[in-house]
Protein backbone atom coordinates (compact mmCIF):
# COMPACT_ATOMS: atom_id res chain seq x y z
CA MET A 1 9.17 30.73 -17.26
CA THR A 2 5.38 30.23 -17.33
CA LYS A 3 3.82 29.92 -20.70
CA THR A 4 0.62 32.08 -21.21
CA LEU A 5 -1.89 32.53 -23.93
CA ALA A 6 -1.90 35.78 -25.75
CA THR A 7 -5.02 37.91 -25.58
CA PRO A 8 -5.33 41.11 -27.68
CA ILE A 9 -5.97 44.26 -25.68
CA VAL A 10 -6.80 47.67 -26.81
CA VAL A 11 -4.53 50.55 -25.70
CA PRO A 12 -5.82 54.01 -26.65
CA GLU A 13 -3.74 55.64 -29.32
CA THR A 14 -2.88 58.65 -27.10
CA ILE A 15 -1.50 56.36 -24.39
CA ARG A 16 0.43 54.27 -26.92
CA ARG A 17 2.04 57.35 -28.35
CA LYS A 18 3.09 58.57 -24.98
CA ALA A 19 4.62 55.24 -24.09
CA GLY A 20 6.37 54.88 -27.44
CA LEU A 21 4.38 51.73 -28.41
CA ARG A 22 3.50 50.88 -31.95
CA ARG A 23 0.23 49.28 -32.96
CA GLY A 24 0.58 45.47 -32.88
CA GLU A 25 3.69 45.55 -30.68
CA GLU A 26 3.83 42.86 -28.11
CA VAL A 27 3.84 43.84 -24.44
CA GLU A 28 4.38 42.10 -21.11
CA PHE A 29 2.62 42.52 -17.84
CA ARG A 30 4.12 42.88 -14.43
CA VAL A 31 2.12 42.81 -11.29
CA SER A 32 3.04 44.56 -8.02
CA GLY A 33 0.39 44.34 -5.34
CA ARG A 34 -2.78 45.56 -7.04
CA ALA A 35 -0.92 47.51 -9.69
CA ILE A 36 -0.51 46.18 -13.21
CA MET A 37 2.34 47.48 -15.34
CA ILE A 38 2.28 47.14 -19.09
CA LEU A 39 5.85 47.18 -20.62
CA PRO A 40 7.27 46.80 -24.12
CA ARG A 41 8.32 43.19 -24.58
CA ALA A 42 12.10 42.95 -24.65
CA ASN A 43 13.46 41.78 -28.02
CA ARG A 44 13.91 38.11 -27.90
CA SER A 45 17.44 36.94 -28.53
CA VAL A 46 17.98 34.62 -31.42
CA SER A 47 18.86 31.10 -30.32
CA ALA A 48 20.62 28.50 -32.40
CA ASP A 49 17.36 26.82 -33.10
CA ASP A 50 16.12 30.04 -34.79
CA THR A 51 18.81 30.08 -37.42
CA LEU A 52 18.63 28.40 -40.84
CA THR A 53 21.06 25.77 -41.98
CA PRO A 54 22.77 26.54 -45.21
CA GLU A 55 20.49 24.10 -47.02
CA GLU A 56 17.34 25.75 -45.58
CA ALA A 57 18.60 29.23 -46.44
CA LYS A 58 19.09 27.97 -50.04
CA VAL A 59 15.52 26.75 -50.18
CA VAL A 60 14.22 30.05 -48.68
CA ARG A 61 16.17 32.13 -51.28
CA ARG A 62 14.92 29.91 -54.11
CA GLY A 63 11.39 30.44 -52.83
CA GLU A 64 11.77 34.16 -52.62
CA ALA A 65 13.17 34.27 -56.22
CA GLN A 66 10.10 32.21 -57.37
CA LEU A 67 7.74 34.64 -55.69
CA LYS A 68 9.50 37.69 -57.23
CA ARG A 69 8.97 36.05 -60.64
CA GLY A 70 5.18 35.58 -59.84
CA TYR A 71 5.33 31.91 -59.30
CA SER A 72 3.29 30.54 -56.41
CA LYS A 73 1.38 27.37 -55.35
CA SER A 74 -1.77 26.92 -53.45
CA TRP A 75 -1.59 25.80 -49.94
CA ARG A 76 -3.39 22.58 -50.97
CA ASP A 77 -0.55 21.72 -53.34
CA VAL A 78 2.08 22.57 -50.83
CA LYS A 79 0.31 20.49 -48.15
CA HIS A 80 -0.03 17.52 -50.60
CA ALA A 81 3.73 17.80 -51.45
CA LEU A 82 4.71 17.84 -47.73
CA GLU A 83 2.65 14.67 -47.05
CA ARG A 84 4.53 12.56 -49.57
């Protein structure tokens, strides 16, 4: 598979509606001769690398609970803690 850079494009709302696309939805391009087809990007399957370990899930749940309580840190503090 060739890796490409993403570039935003504007699809008129009427066309998006007719095609069943939502604003911000990723699309893929297919070329046939001089015709370009724009298709909804297929849902990516989840690989084993995309899942959290039990330890990682625990950290995420703890972070979510802290956010719900209104506790947060600045990015500078987080970055500093990661560098230690």
